[in-house]
Amino acid sequence: MRSHRYIIKESLKADEVAKDLELQLDINRMSDVRILSVNAQNEILVQMQEENEEAGDVIDVFMKEYKTAEIIE
């Protein structure tokens, strides 16, 4: 299992970005991705299987405009 922590731009709310990301993954019919918003730190935690490169690519493209930093755990 691979975890990514995305720090969201201050002008945005983590829970709203998380909902939009979930919708994007649903549109692309990608499952087995867990998304959790942490509003206190304005972060989104994303967990996915390591071999799920397609979901990783979709998430990277989507988060490009919303994140200020990414931490891979």
Protein backbone atom coordinates (compact mmCIF):
# COMPACT_ATOMS: atom_id res chain seq x y z
CA MET A 1 0.00 0.00 0.00
CA ARG A 2 1.35 3.40 -0.99
CA SER A 3 0.32 6.60 0.78
CA HIS A 4 0.53 10.14 -0.51
CA ARG A 5 -0.10 13.26 1.51
CA TYR A 6 -1.04 16.32 -0.53
CA ILE A 7 -0.83 19.73 1.10
CA ILE A 8 -3.56 21.85 -0.46
CA LYS A 9 -3.25 25.53 -1.41
CA GLU A 10 -4.47 27.84 1.35
CA SER A 11 -7.20 29.31 -0.84
CA LEU A 12 -8.87 25.88 -1.15
CA LYS A 13 -10.56 23.48 1.28
CA ALA A 14 -9.24 19.95 1.58
CA ASP A 15 -12.67 18.33 1.90
CA GLU A 16 -13.92 19.95 -1.32
CA VAL A 17 -10.82 18.91 -3.27
CA ALA A 18 -11.14 15.37 -1.86
CA LYS A 19 -14.75 15.13 -3.09
CA ASP A 20 -13.72 16.36 -6.53
CA LEU A 21 -10.87 13.83 -6.64
CA GLU A 22 -13.26 11.02 -5.69
CA LEU A 23 -15.57 12.09 -8.51
CA GLN A 24 -12.66 12.14 -10.98
CA LEU A 25 -11.66 8.62 -9.97
CA ASP A 26 -15.29 7.45 -10.32
CA ILE A 27 -15.47 8.96 -13.81
CA ASN A 28 -12.29 7.08 -14.74
CA ARG A 29 -13.71 3.91 -13.13
CA MET A 30 -10.84 3.55 -10.72
CA SER A 31 -11.44 1.79 -7.45
CA ASP A 32 -9.34 0.59 -4.54
CA VAL A 33 -8.21 4.13 -3.75
CA ARG A 34 -8.87 5.52 -0.28
CA ILE A 35 -9.14 9.29 0.13
CA LEU A 36 -9.28 11.13 3.43
CA SER A 37 -9.31 14.89 3.95
CA VAL A 38 -7.65 16.40 7.01
CA ASN A 39 -9.19 19.85 7.28
CA ALA A 40 -7.15 20.95 10.31
CA GLN A 41 -3.95 20.75 8.23
CA ASN A 42 -5.60 21.34 4.84
CA GLU A 43 -4.26 18.03 3.54
CA ILE A 44 -5.57 15.07 1.60
CA LEU A 45 -4.34 11.56 2.30
CA VAL A 46 -4.53 9.11 -0.60
CA GLN A 47 -3.84 5.39 -0.23
CA MET A 48 -3.65 2.99 -3.16
CA GLN A 49 -2.09 -0.29 -4.15
CA GLU A 50 1.48 0.13 -5.38
CA GLU A 51 0.74 -1.61 -8.68
CA ASN A 52 -2.15 0.76 -9.46
CA GLU A 53 -0.12 3.08 -11.73
CA GLU A 54 -3.14 4.24 -13.75
CA ALA A 55 -4.85 5.64 -10.65
CA GLY A 56 -1.55 7.23 -9.62
CA ASP A 57 -1.31 8.99 -12.98
CA VAL A 58 -4.90 10.28 -12.78
CA ILE A 59 -4.33 11.55 -9.24
CA ASP A 60 -1.04 13.25 -10.15
CA VAL A 61 -2.62 15.12 -13.07
CA PHE A 62 -5.66 16.11 -11.01
CA MET A 63 -3.69 17.29 -7.97
CA LYS A 64 -1.22 19.36 -10.01
CA GLU A 65 -3.33 22.52 -9.68
CA TYR A 66 -4.44 22.00 -6.08
CA LYS A 67 -1.33 20.99 -4.16
CA THR A 68 1.57 22.98 -2.82
CA ALA A 69 3.55 19.87 -1.79
CA GLU A 70 3.38 16.08 -1.85
CA ILE A 71 4.79 13.66 0.69
CA ILE A 72 5.06 9.98 -0.22
CA GLU A 73 4.98 7.66 2.76
